[in-house]
Amino acid sequence: MGGSPDPAVARAWMDEGTRLLLEALDRLADADLDAATGLPGWTRRHVVAHVHFNAEALRRLASWARTGTENRMYAGPEQRNAEIESGSALPAADLRALVRGSAAALAADLDALPPDAWANEVVTAQGRTVPATEIVWMRTRETAVHAVDLDAGVEFEDLPSGLVAALIDDIVAKRVAGGQGPALARLLSGRGGTDIGPWL
């Protein structure tokens, strides 16, 4: 992966991504949440549910970093997928309250993390062992990209330029590691082709 940016910068981006996502959500009527998104099989409800449960999963990593007691993001992909599906079926008011509450709770957990705990290692849902500083960048990616996915007035152009550059670095590193470097080079160099694999 491309690695996380400076923690203080990432935290400012995380807060900005959260603000953009929640403001986009506020612009949507309850009935609008049933609309499909560009993510295969996901409505806006799925996106909101995912962002909520992602915050809860990252709170578990923050707890791991603070206490030293292993606390994985998910027991497995089945848990993640089941949470998103069940969450997407909740009443709109409940879903809105949950995503706001978990975002605030994660921010509070990170604010309370002792300085020496940030270097403690945790394990991501993909099995990467990373320092706790990575939690902030992981959340930044989720809030920023999914704010755009809601299709409610937020575009990549609305994100800080440094954040866009960091996202590109991260995506390129992930794609190259997954064997998609040639297809990506073809696309970015203007040589045609759009098949760079599934959405991230």
N, C-alpha and C. Protein backbone atom coordinates (compact mmCIF):
# COMPACT_ATOMS: atom_id res chain seq x y z
N MET A 1 0.84 -1.19 0.00
CA MET A 1 0.00 0.00 0.00
C MET A 1 0.88 1.24 0.00
N GLY A 2 0.25 2.39 -0.22
CA GLY A 2 1.03 3.60 -0.35
C GLY A 2 1.50 4.18 0.96
N GLY A 3 0.96 3.69 2.08
CA GLY A 3 1.36 4.23 3.37
C GLY A 3 0.53 5.45 3.74
N SER A 4 0.42 5.69 5.03
CA SER A 4 -0.43 6.79 5.48
C SER A 4 0.35 8.10 5.51
N PRO A 5 -0.34 9.23 5.32
CA PRO A 5 0.32 10.53 5.40
C PRO A 5 0.60 10.92 6.84
N ASP A 6 1.19 12.10 7.03
CA ASP A 6 1.44 12.61 8.37
C ASP A 6 0.17 12.53 9.20
N PRO A 7 0.25 12.00 10.44
CA PRO A 7 -0.96 11.80 11.24
C PRO A 7 -1.81 13.06 11.45
N ALA A 8 -1.15 14.19 11.70
CA ALA A 8 -1.91 15.42 11.93
C ALA A 8 -2.66 15.84 10.67
N VAL A 9 -2.01 15.69 9.54
CA VAL A 9 -2.66 16.02 8.26
C VAL A 9 -3.80 15.06 8.00
N ALA A 10 -3.54 13.77 8.23
CA ALA A 10 -4.59 12.77 8.02
C ALA A 10 -5.79 13.03 8.91
N ARG A 11 -5.54 13.47 10.14
CA ARG A 11 -6.66 13.74 11.04
C ARG A 11 -7.50 14.91 10.54
N ALA A 12 -6.86 15.95 10.03
CA ALA A 12 -7.61 17.07 9.47
C ALA A 12 -8.44 16.60 8.27
N TRP A 13 -7.85 15.72 7.45
CA TRP A 13 -8.58 15.18 6.31
C TRP A 13 -9.73 14.28 6.77
N MET A 14 -9.50 13.50 7.81
CA MET A 14 -10.56 12.64 8.33
C MET A 14 -11.76 13.47 8.77
N ASP A 15 -11.49 14.54 9.51
CA ASP A 15 -12.57 15.40 9.97
C ASP A 15 -13.29 16.07 8.80
N GLU A 16 -12.53 16.48 7.79
CA GLU A 16 -13.14 17.09 6.61
C GLU A 16 -13.98 16.08 5.84
N GLY A 17 -13.47 14.87 5.68
CA GLY A 17 -14.23 13.83 5.00
C GLY A 17 -15.51 13.50 5.74
N THR A 18 -15.43 13.45 7.06
CA THR A 18 -16.62 13.19 7.86
C THR A 18 -17.64 14.30 7.69
N ARG A 19 -17.18 15.54 7.72
CA ARG A 19 -18.09 16.67 7.53
C ARG A 19 -18.77 16.61 6.17
N LEU A 20 -18.00 16.35 5.13
CA LEU A 20 -18.57 16.29 3.78
C LEU A 20 -19.59 15.17 3.66
N LEU A 21 -19.27 14.02 4.23
CA LEU A 21 -20.18 12.88 4.13
C LEU A 21 -21.49 13.16 4.87
N LEU A 22 -21.39 13.67 6.09
CA LEU A 22 -22.60 13.91 6.87
C LEU A 22 -23.44 15.03 6.26
N GLU A 23 -22.80 16.03 5.71
CA GLU A 23 -23.56 17.09 5.05
C GLU A 23 -24.24 16.57 3.78
N ALA A 24 -23.56 15.68 3.06
CA ALA A 24 -24.18 15.07 1.89
C ALA A 24 -25.39 14.24 2.30
N LEU A 25 -25.24 13.49 3.38
CA LEU A 25 -26.35 12.69 3.88
C LEU A 25 -27.53 13.57 4.28
N ASP A 26 -27.26 14.71 4.88
CA ASP A 26 -28.33 15.63 5.29
C ASP A 26 -29.09 16.18 4.08
N ARG A 27 -28.45 16.24 2.93
CA ARG A 27 -29.13 16.75 1.74
C ARG A 27 -30.07 15.73 1.11
N LEU A 28 -30.00 14.51 1.56
CA LEU A 28 -30.83 13.45 0.99
C LEU A 28 -32.09 13.24 1.82
N ALA A 29 -33.23 13.15 1.16
CA ALA A 29 -34.46 12.76 1.83
C ALA A 29 -34.39 11.27 2.15
N ASP A 30 -35.21 10.84 3.09
CA ASP A 30 -35.19 9.43 3.47
C ASP A 30 -35.40 8.52 2.27
N ALA A 31 -36.33 8.89 1.38
CA ALA A 31 -36.61 8.05 0.22
C ALA A 31 -35.41 7.98 -0.72
N ASP A 32 -34.58 9.01 -0.72
CA ASP A 32 -33.40 9.03 -1.58
C ASP A 32 -32.38 7.96 -1.20
N LEU A 33 -32.44 7.49 0.04
CA LEU A 33 -31.46 6.51 0.49
C LEU A 33 -31.66 5.15 -0.18
N ASP A 34 -32.82 4.94 -0.78
CA ASP A 34 -33.09 3.67 -1.46
C ASP A 34 -32.46 3.61 -2.85
N ALA A 35 -31.97 4.74 -3.36
CA ALA A 35 -31.43 4.78 -4.72
C ALA A 35 -30.13 3.99 -4.82
N ALA A 36 -29.93 3.40 -5.99
CA ALA A 36 -28.70 2.66 -6.25
C ALA A 36 -27.51 3.62 -6.35
N THR A 37 -26.33 3.10 -6.13
CA THR A 37 -25.09 3.86 -6.29
C THR A 37 -24.27 3.23 -7.41
N GLY A 38 -23.11 3.80 -7.66
CA GLY A 38 -22.21 3.22 -8.64
C GLY A 38 -21.50 1.97 -8.15
N LEU A 39 -21.70 1.62 -6.89
CA LEU A 39 -21.09 0.43 -6.31
C LEU A 39 -22.04 -0.75 -6.54
N PRO A 40 -21.61 -1.78 -7.23
CA PRO A 40 -22.50 -2.88 -7.60
C PRO A 40 -23.24 -3.48 -6.41
N GLY A 41 -24.56 -3.47 -6.49
CA GLY A 41 -25.39 -4.09 -5.46
C GLY A 41 -25.63 -3.24 -4.24
N TRP A 42 -25.08 -2.04 -4.21
CA TRP A 42 -25.21 -1.18 -3.03
C TRP A 42 -26.10 0.02 -3.32
N THR A 43 -27.07 0.23 -2.43
CA THR A 43 -27.82 1.47 -2.42
C THR A 43 -27.09 2.47 -1.54
N ARG A 44 -27.64 3.69 -1.48
CA ARG A 44 -27.07 4.66 -0.54
C ARG A 44 -27.18 4.14 0.89
N ARG A 45 -28.21 3.38 1.18
CA ARG A 45 -28.35 2.79 2.52
C ARG A 45 -27.15 1.90 2.85
N HIS A 46 -26.71 1.11 1.88
CA HIS A 46 -25.55 0.24 2.10
C HIS A 46 -24.30 1.07 2.39
N VAL A 47 -24.15 2.17 1.65
CA VAL A 47 -22.99 3.03 1.86
C VAL A 47 -22.98 3.59 3.27
N VAL A 48 -24.14 4.11 3.71
CA VAL A 48 -24.23 4.71 5.04
C VAL A 48 -24.00 3.65 6.11
N ALA A 49 -24.60 2.47 5.94
CA ALA A 49 -24.41 1.39 6.91
C ALA A 49 -22.94 0.99 6.98
N HIS A 50 -22.29 0.90 5.83
CA HIS A 50 -20.88 0.54 5.81
C HIS A 50 -20.03 1.56 6.55
N VAL A 51 -20.29 2.84 6.30
CA VAL A 51 -19.51 3.89 6.98
C VAL A 51 -19.70 3.80 8.49
N HIS A 52 -20.92 3.53 8.93
CA HIS A 52 -21.17 3.38 10.37
C HIS A 52 -20.38 2.20 10.94
N PHE A 53 -20.53 1.03 10.33
CA PHE A 53 -19.88 -0.15 10.89
C PHE A 53 -18.36 -0.09 10.73
N ASN A 54 -17.89 0.64 9.72
CA ASN A 54 -16.45 0.86 9.61
C ASN A 54 -15.92 1.63 10.82
N ALA A 55 -16.68 2.65 11.25
CA ALA A 55 -16.26 3.40 12.43
C ALA A 55 -16.20 2.50 13.65
N GLU A 56 -17.19 1.64 13.81
CA GLU A 56 -17.19 0.72 14.94
C GLU A 56 -16.00 -0.24 14.87
N ALA A 57 -15.69 -0.70 13.66
CA ALA A 57 -14.55 -1.61 13.49
C ALA A 57 -13.23 -0.91 13.82
N LEU A 58 -13.11 0.34 13.40
CA LEU A 58 -11.88 1.09 13.70
C LEU A 58 -11.80 1.45 15.18
N ARG A 59 -12.93 1.59 15.83
CA ARG A 59 -12.93 1.79 17.28
C ARG A 59 -12.33 0.56 17.98
N ARG A 60 -12.59 -0.61 17.42
CA ARG A 60 -11.99 -1.81 18.00
C ARG A 60 -10.47 -1.78 17.86
N LEU A 61 -9.98 -1.30 16.73
CA LEU A 61 -8.53 -1.18 16.58
C LEU A 61 -7.96 -0.14 17.54
N ALA A 62 -8.68 0.96 17.75
CA ALA A 62 -8.21 1.97 18.70
C ALA A 62 -8.14 1.38 20.10
N SER A 63 -9.12 0.55 20.44
CA SER A 63 -9.10 -0.12 21.74
C SER A 63 -7.91 -1.06 21.85
N TRP A 64 -7.61 -1.77 20.79
CA TRP A 64 -6.46 -2.67 20.75
C TRP A 64 -5.18 -1.87 20.99
N ALA A 65 -5.05 -0.75 20.29
CA ALA A 65 -3.85 0.08 20.44
C ALA A 65 -3.73 0.62 21.87
N ARG A 66 -4.85 0.94 22.47
CA ARG A 66 -4.82 1.55 23.81
C ARG A 66 -4.54 0.51 24.89
N THR A 67 -5.15 -0.67 24.78
CA THR A 67 -5.09 -1.65 25.86
C THR A 67 -4.05 -2.74 25.64
N GLY A 68 -3.67 -2.95 24.38
CA GLY A 68 -2.77 -4.06 24.07
C GLY A 68 -3.49 -5.38 23.92
N THR A 69 -4.81 -5.40 24.12
CA THR A 69 -5.61 -6.61 23.98
C THR A 69 -6.14 -6.71 22.56
N GLU A 70 -5.82 -7.79 21.87
CA GLU A 70 -6.23 -7.93 20.47
C GLU A 70 -7.73 -7.74 20.31
N ASN A 71 -8.10 -6.93 19.34
CA ASN A 71 -9.51 -6.62 19.09
C ASN A 71 -9.65 -6.34 17.60
N ARG A 72 -9.90 -7.38 16.83
CA ARG A 72 -9.92 -7.30 15.38
C ARG A 72 -11.09 -6.46 14.87
N MET A 73 -10.92 -5.93 13.67
CA MET A 73 -12.00 -5.14 13.07
C MET A 73 -13.25 -6.00 12.89
N TYR A 74 -13.08 -7.19 12.38
CA TYR A 74 -14.19 -8.11 12.13
C TYR A 74 -13.72 -9.53 12.42
N ALA A 75 -14.67 -10.39 12.79
CA ALA A 75 -14.33 -11.80 12.95
C ALA A 75 -13.99 -12.41 11.60
N GLY A 76 -14.50 -11.82 10.53
CA GLY A 76 -14.25 -12.29 9.18
C GLY A 76 -15.10 -11.50 8.21
N PRO A 77 -14.92 -11.73 6.90
CA PRO A 77 -15.70 -10.99 5.91
C PRO A 77 -17.20 -11.22 6.04
N GLU A 78 -17.58 -12.38 6.57
CA GLU A 78 -19.00 -12.65 6.74
C GLU A 78 -19.64 -11.66 7.71
N GLN A 79 -18.92 -11.34 8.80
CA GLN A 79 -19.45 -10.37 9.75
C GLN A 79 -19.63 -9.01 9.11
N ARG A 80 -18.61 -8.58 8.38
CA ARG A 80 -18.67 -7.28 7.71
C ARG A 80 -19.87 -7.21 6.78
N ASN A 81 -20.01 -8.21 5.93
CA ASN A 81 -21.10 -8.19 4.95
C ASN A 81 -22.47 -8.26 5.62
N ALA A 82 -22.57 -9.07 6.67
CA ALA A 82 -23.86 -9.21 7.37
C ALA A 82 -24.24 -7.90 8.06
N GLU A 83 -23.26 -7.22 8.64
CA GLU A 83 -23.55 -5.94 9.28
C GLU A 83 -24.07 -4.92 8.28
N ILE A 84 -23.43 -4.86 7.12
CA ILE A 84 -23.86 -3.89 6.11
C ILE A 84 -25.27 -4.20 5.64
N GLU A 85 -25.57 -5.47 5.39
CA GLU A 85 -26.91 -5.83 4.93
C GLU A 85 -27.97 -5.53 5.98
N SER A 86 -27.70 -5.90 7.23
CA SER A 86 -28.69 -5.65 8.28
C SER A 86 -28.84 -4.15 8.53
N GLY A 87 -27.74 -3.43 8.51
CA GLY A 87 -27.80 -1.99 8.72
C GLY A 87 -28.55 -1.27 7.63
N SER A 88 -28.42 -1.75 6.40
CA SER A 88 -29.09 -1.09 5.28
C SER A 88 -30.61 -1.20 5.37
N ALA A 89 -31.09 -2.15 6.17
CA ALA A 89 -32.54 -2.35 6.30
C ALA A 89 -33.14 -1.55 7.46
N LEU A 90 -32.33 -0.83 8.21
CA LEU A 90 -32.83 -0.06 9.34
C LEU A 90 -33.66 1.14 8.88
N PRO A 91 -34.55 1.63 9.73
CA PRO A 91 -35.24 2.87 9.40
C PRO A 91 -34.23 4.00 9.15
N ALA A 92 -34.58 4.88 8.24
CA ALA A 92 -33.64 5.94 7.84
C ALA A 92 -33.18 6.76 9.04
N ALA A 93 -34.09 7.09 9.94
CA ALA A 93 -33.72 7.91 11.09
C ALA A 93 -32.70 7.20 11.96
N ASP A 94 -32.86 5.89 12.13
CA ASP A 94 -31.91 5.12 12.93
C ASP A 94 -30.55 5.08 12.24
N LEU A 95 -30.55 4.89 10.92
CA LEU A 95 -29.30 4.82 10.19
C LEU A 95 -28.55 6.15 10.26
N ARG A 96 -29.28 7.25 10.14
CA ARG A 96 -28.66 8.57 10.24
C ARG A 96 -28.04 8.78 11.62
N ALA A 97 -28.78 8.38 12.66
CA ALA A 97 -28.28 8.57 14.02
C ALA A 97 -27.05 7.70 14.27
N LEU A 98 -27.07 6.48 13.75
CA LEU A 98 -25.95 5.58 13.98
C LEU A 98 -24.67 6.09 13.33
N VAL A 99 -24.76 6.55 12.08
CA VAL A 99 -23.54 6.98 11.38
C VAL A 99 -22.96 8.24 12.01
N ARG A 100 -23.82 9.11 12.52
CA ARG A 100 -23.34 10.30 13.22
C ARG A 100 -22.71 9.92 14.57
N GLY A 101 -23.39 9.06 15.29
CA GLY A 101 -22.90 8.67 16.61
C GLY A 101 -21.58 7.94 16.56
N SER A 102 -21.44 7.02 15.61
CA SER A 102 -20.19 6.25 15.54
C SER A 102 -19.03 7.12 15.05
N ALA A 103 -19.32 8.08 14.17
CA ALA A 103 -18.26 9.00 13.74
C ALA A 103 -17.74 9.82 14.91
N ALA A 104 -18.67 10.32 15.72
CA ALA A 104 -18.27 11.11 16.89
C ALA A 104 -17.53 10.24 17.91
N ALA A 105 -17.99 9.01 18.09
CA ALA A 105 -17.36 8.12 19.07
C ALA A 105 -15.94 7.75 18.64
N LEU A 106 -15.75 7.49 17.34
CA LEU A 106 -14.41 7.18 16.85
C LEU A 106 -13.49 8.37 17.05
N ALA A 107 -13.96 9.57 16.72
CA ALA A 107 -13.12 10.76 16.90
C ALA A 107 -12.73 10.92 18.37
N ALA A 108 -13.67 10.67 19.27
CA ALA A 108 -13.38 10.77 20.70
C ALA A 108 -12.36 9.72 21.14
N ASP A 109 -12.50 8.50 20.62
CA ASP A 109 -11.54 7.44 20.95
C ASP A 109 -10.13 7.82 20.50
N LEU A 110 -10.04 8.37 19.30
CA LEU A 110 -8.72 8.76 18.78
C LEU A 110 -8.15 9.93 19.56
N ASP A 111 -9.01 10.86 19.96
CA ASP A 111 -8.54 11.99 20.77
C ASP A 111 -7.99 11.53 22.11
N ALA A 112 -8.57 10.44 22.63
CA ALA A 112 -8.18 9.96 23.96
C ALA A 112 -7.02 8.97 23.92
N LEU A 113 -6.56 8.61 22.73
CA LEU A 113 -5.48 7.63 22.64
C LEU A 113 -4.18 8.23 23.16
N PRO A 114 -3.53 7.60 24.13
CA PRO A 114 -2.28 8.15 24.68
C PRO A 114 -1.21 8.27 23.60
N PRO A 115 -0.33 9.25 23.70
CA PRO A 115 0.70 9.45 22.67
C PRO A 115 1.52 8.21 22.37
N ASP A 116 1.87 7.44 23.41
CA ASP A 116 2.72 6.27 23.16
C ASP A 116 1.97 5.11 22.54
N ALA A 117 0.62 5.18 22.52
CA ALA A 117 -0.17 4.09 21.95
C ALA A 117 -0.22 4.13 20.43
N TRP A 118 0.09 5.30 19.83
CA TRP A 118 -0.01 5.43 18.39
C TRP A 118 0.97 4.55 17.63
N ALA A 119 2.05 4.18 18.29
CA ALA A 119 3.04 3.30 17.64
C ALA A 119 2.69 1.82 17.77
N ASN A 120 1.70 1.50 18.61
CA ASN A 120 1.33 0.10 18.80
C ASN A 120 0.74 -0.48 17.53
N GLU A 121 1.02 -1.74 17.27
CA GLU A 121 0.59 -2.35 16.02
C GLU A 121 -0.79 -2.99 16.15
N VAL A 122 -1.56 -2.86 15.08
CA VAL A 122 -2.87 -3.49 14.97
C VAL A 122 -2.93 -4.15 13.60
N VAL A 123 -3.99 -4.91 13.36
CA VAL A 123 -4.12 -5.65 12.10
C VAL A 123 -5.38 -5.20 11.38
N THR A 124 -5.25 -4.85 10.11
CA THR A 124 -6.39 -4.39 9.32
C THR A 124 -7.26 -5.57 8.90
N ALA A 125 -8.42 -5.25 8.32
CA ALA A 125 -9.32 -6.30 7.85
C ALA A 125 -8.69 -7.11 6.72
N GLN A 126 -7.71 -6.52 6.02
CA GLN A 126 -7.01 -7.23 4.95
C GLN A 126 -5.81 -8.01 5.45
N GLY A 127 -5.59 -7.97 6.77
CA GLY A 127 -4.50 -8.75 7.36
C GLY A 127 -3.17 -8.04 7.42
N ARG A 128 -3.13 -6.74 7.12
CA ARG A 128 -1.87 -5.99 7.21
C ARG A 128 -1.61 -5.58 8.65
N THR A 129 -0.39 -5.73 9.10
CA THR A 129 0.00 -5.25 10.43
C THR A 129 0.54 -3.83 10.27
N VAL A 130 -0.09 -2.89 10.96
CA VAL A 130 0.24 -1.47 10.78
C VAL A 130 0.26 -0.79 12.15
N PRO A 131 0.94 0.34 12.26
CA PRO A 131 0.86 1.11 13.51
C PRO A 131 -0.53 1.75 13.63
N ALA A 132 -0.89 2.10 14.84
CA ALA A 132 -2.21 2.68 15.09
C ALA A 132 -2.43 3.99 14.34
N THR A 133 -1.34 4.66 13.97
CA THR A 133 -1.49 5.89 13.19
C THR A 133 -2.24 5.63 11.89
N GLU A 134 -2.18 4.42 11.39
CA GLU A 134 -2.85 4.08 10.13
C GLU A 134 -4.38 4.15 10.26
N ILE A 135 -4.89 4.02 11.49
CA ILE A 135 -6.35 4.05 11.69
C ILE A 135 -6.95 5.33 11.13
N VAL A 136 -6.27 6.44 11.36
CA VAL A 136 -6.80 7.73 10.90
C VAL A 136 -6.88 7.77 9.39
N TRP A 137 -5.85 7.31 8.72
CA TRP A 137 -5.85 7.30 7.26
C TRP A 137 -6.89 6.33 6.71
N MET A 138 -7.05 5.19 7.36
CA MET A 138 -8.07 4.23 6.94
C MET A 138 -9.46 4.87 6.98
N ARG A 139 -9.73 5.62 8.03
CA ARG A 139 -11.03 6.28 8.14
C ARG A 139 -11.16 7.42 7.14
N THR A 140 -10.07 8.14 6.92
CA THR A 140 -10.10 9.22 5.93
C THR A 140 -10.52 8.70 4.57
N ARG A 141 -9.92 7.61 4.14
CA ARG A 141 -10.28 7.03 2.84
C ARG A 141 -11.77 6.70 2.78
N GLU A 142 -12.28 6.10 3.84
CA GLU A 142 -13.69 5.69 3.84
C GLU A 142 -14.63 6.89 3.73
N THR A 143 -14.41 7.89 4.57
CA THR A 143 -15.34 9.02 4.58
C THR A 143 -15.25 9.83 3.29
N ALA A 144 -14.04 10.06 2.81
CA ALA A 144 -13.88 10.90 1.62
C ALA A 144 -14.47 10.24 0.38
N VAL A 145 -14.10 8.99 0.14
CA VAL A 145 -14.57 8.32 -1.07
C VAL A 145 -16.07 8.06 -1.01
N HIS A 146 -16.56 7.65 0.15
CA HIS A 146 -17.99 7.35 0.24
C HIS A 146 -18.85 8.62 0.27
N ALA A 147 -18.28 9.74 0.64
CA ALA A 147 -19.00 11.01 0.49
C ALA A 147 -19.31 11.25 -0.98
N VAL A 148 -18.36 10.92 -1.84
CA VAL A 148 -18.58 11.03 -3.28
C VAL A 148 -19.59 9.99 -3.75
N ASP A 149 -19.48 8.76 -3.23
CA ASP A 149 -20.37 7.68 -3.65
C ASP A 149 -21.85 7.99 -3.36
N LEU A 150 -22.12 8.80 -2.36
CA LEU A 150 -23.51 9.14 -2.05
C LEU A 150 -24.17 9.95 -3.16
N ASP A 151 -23.36 10.56 -4.03
CA ASP A 151 -23.88 11.33 -5.17
C ASP A 151 -24.90 12.37 -4.71
N ALA A 152 -24.48 13.14 -3.71
CA ALA A 152 -25.37 14.16 -3.14
C ALA A 152 -24.65 15.49 -3.04
N GLY A 153 -23.86 15.80 -4.06
CA GLY A 153 -23.24 17.12 -4.10
C GLY A 153 -21.77 17.16 -3.77
N VAL A 154 -21.17 16.03 -3.43
CA VAL A 154 -19.74 15.99 -3.15
C VAL A 154 -19.03 15.28 -4.30
N GLU A 155 -18.01 15.92 -4.84
CA GLU A 155 -17.19 15.34 -5.91
C GLU A 155 -15.74 15.30 -5.44
N PHE A 156 -14.92 14.56 -6.15
CA PHE A 156 -13.50 14.51 -5.79
C PHE A 156 -12.87 15.90 -5.85
N GLU A 157 -13.44 16.77 -6.69
CA GLU A 157 -12.94 18.14 -6.75
C GLU A 157 -13.15 18.90 -5.45
N ASP A 158 -14.06 18.44 -4.62
CA ASP A 158 -14.34 19.12 -3.35
C ASP A 158 -13.38 18.70 -2.24
N LEU A 159 -12.59 17.68 -2.48
CA LEU A 159 -11.64 17.21 -1.47
C LEU A 159 -10.37 18.05 -1.52
N PRO A 160 -9.67 18.19 -0.40
CA PRO A 160 -8.38 18.89 -0.41
C PRO A 160 -7.44 18.26 -1.43
N SER A 161 -6.68 19.09 -2.14
CA SER A 161 -5.81 18.56 -3.20
C SER A 161 -4.79 17.56 -2.67
N GLY A 162 -4.28 17.80 -1.47
CA GLY A 162 -3.34 16.87 -0.88
C GLY A 162 -3.97 15.52 -0.60
N LEU A 163 -5.24 15.53 -0.20
CA LEU A 163 -5.96 14.29 0.05
C LEU A 163 -6.17 13.53 -1.25
N VAL A 164 -6.53 14.23 -2.31
CA VAL A 164 -6.71 13.58 -3.61
C VAL A 164 -5.40 12.92 -4.04
N ALA A 165 -4.29 13.62 -3.89
CA ALA A 165 -2.98 13.06 -4.27
C ALA A 165 -2.65 11.83 -3.44
N ALA A 166 -2.95 11.89 -2.14
CA ALA A 166 -2.68 10.75 -1.26
C ALA A 166 -3.56 9.56 -1.63
N LEU A 167 -4.81 9.82 -1.97
CA LEU A 167 -5.71 8.74 -2.40
C LEU A 167 -5.18 8.08 -3.67
N ILE A 168 -4.72 8.91 -4.60
CA ILE A 168 -4.18 8.36 -5.85
C ILE A 168 -2.97 7.48 -5.57
N ASP A 169 -2.05 7.97 -4.73
CA ASP A 169 -0.87 7.18 -4.38
C ASP A 169 -1.29 5.84 -3.77
N ASP A 170 -2.26 5.89 -2.88
CA ASP A 170 -2.71 4.69 -2.18
C ASP A 170 -3.36 3.70 -3.15
N ILE A 171 -4.21 4.22 -4.03
CA ILE A 171 -4.91 3.37 -4.99
C ILE A 171 -3.94 2.75 -5.97
N VAL A 172 -3.00 3.55 -6.47
CA VAL A 172 -2.02 3.02 -7.41
C VAL A 172 -1.21 1.91 -6.77
N ALA A 173 -0.76 2.13 -5.54
CA ALA A 173 0.03 1.10 -4.85
C ALA A 173 -0.77 -0.19 -4.70
N LYS A 174 -2.04 -0.06 -4.34
CA LYS A 174 -2.88 -1.25 -4.16
C LYS A 174 -3.10 -1.96 -5.48
N ARG A 175 -3.38 -1.20 -6.54
CA ARG A 175 -3.62 -1.80 -7.85
C ARG A 175 -2.36 -2.50 -8.38
N VAL A 176 -1.22 -1.86 -8.23
CA VAL A 176 0.03 -2.45 -8.71
C VAL A 176 0.33 -3.73 -7.94
N ALA A 177 0.14 -3.69 -6.62
CA ALA A 177 0.38 -4.88 -5.80
C ALA A 177 -0.56 -6.02 -6.20
N GLY A 178 -1.72 -5.67 -6.72
CA GLY A 178 -2.68 -6.68 -7.15
C GLY A 178 -2.50 -7.13 -8.59
N GLY A 179 -1.40 -6.71 -9.23
CA GLY A 179 -1.10 -7.14 -10.58
C GLY A 179 -1.76 -6.32 -11.68
N GLN A 180 -2.32 -5.16 -11.31
CA GLN A 180 -3.04 -4.34 -12.29
C GLN A 180 -2.21 -3.16 -12.79
N GLY A 181 -0.90 -3.18 -12.53
CA GLY A 181 -0.05 -2.08 -12.94
C GLY A 181 -0.08 -1.80 -14.43
N PRO A 182 0.08 -2.81 -15.30
CA PRO A 182 0.05 -2.53 -16.74
C PRO A 182 -1.25 -1.88 -17.20
N ALA A 183 -2.39 -2.39 -16.74
CA ALA A 183 -3.67 -1.81 -17.14
C ALA A 183 -3.80 -0.38 -16.65
N LEU A 184 -3.30 -0.14 -15.44
CA LEU A 184 -3.36 1.21 -14.89
C LEU A 184 -2.44 2.16 -15.65
N ALA A 185 -1.24 1.70 -16.00
CA ALA A 185 -0.32 2.52 -16.78
C ALA A 185 -0.91 2.86 -18.14
N ARG A 186 -1.59 1.90 -18.75
CA ARG A 186 -2.23 2.13 -20.05
C ARG A 186 -3.30 3.20 -19.92
N LEU A 187 -4.11 3.09 -18.88
CA LEU A 187 -5.20 4.05 -18.69
C LEU A 187 -4.67 5.45 -18.39
N LEU A 188 -3.73 5.56 -17.45
CA LEU A 188 -3.26 6.87 -17.00
C LEU A 188 -2.37 7.56 -18.03
N SER A 189 -1.79 6.78 -18.93
CA SER A 189 -0.95 7.39 -19.97
C SER A 189 -1.75 7.73 -21.22
N GLY A 190 -3.06 7.54 -21.16
CA GLY A 190 -3.91 7.89 -22.29
C GLY A 190 -3.86 6.91 -23.42
N ARG A 191 -3.44 5.67 -23.12
CA ARG A 191 -3.33 4.65 -24.18
C ARG A 191 -4.57 3.77 -24.25
N GLY A 192 -5.66 4.20 -23.60
CA GLY A 192 -6.91 3.47 -23.68
C GLY A 192 -7.04 2.43 -22.59
N GLY A 193 -8.19 1.80 -22.59
CA GLY A 193 -8.46 0.74 -21.61
C GLY A 193 -9.06 1.30 -20.34
N THR A 194 -10.03 0.60 -19.83
CA THR A 194 -10.67 1.01 -18.59
C THR A 194 -10.83 -0.12 -17.60
N ASP A 195 -10.43 -1.32 -17.98
CA ASP A 195 -10.63 -2.48 -17.12
C ASP A 195 -9.49 -2.58 -16.11
N ILE A 196 -9.70 -1.96 -14.93
CA ILE A 196 -8.66 -2.03 -13.90
C ILE A 196 -9.16 -2.78 -12.68
N GLY A 197 -10.16 -3.64 -12.90
CA GLY A 197 -10.59 -4.49 -11.80
C GLY A 197 -11.75 -3.94 -11.01
N PRO A 198 -12.13 -4.62 -9.94
CA PRO A 198 -13.30 -4.23 -9.14
C PRO A 198 -13.08 -2.94 -8.38
N TRP A 199 -14.18 -2.34 -7.96
CA TRP A 199 -14.11 -1.11 -7.17
C TRP A 199 -13.43 -1.38 -5.84
N LEU A 200 -12.81 -0.34 -5.30
CA LEU A 200 -12.11 -0.44 -4.02
C LEU A 200 -13.02 -0.04 -2.89
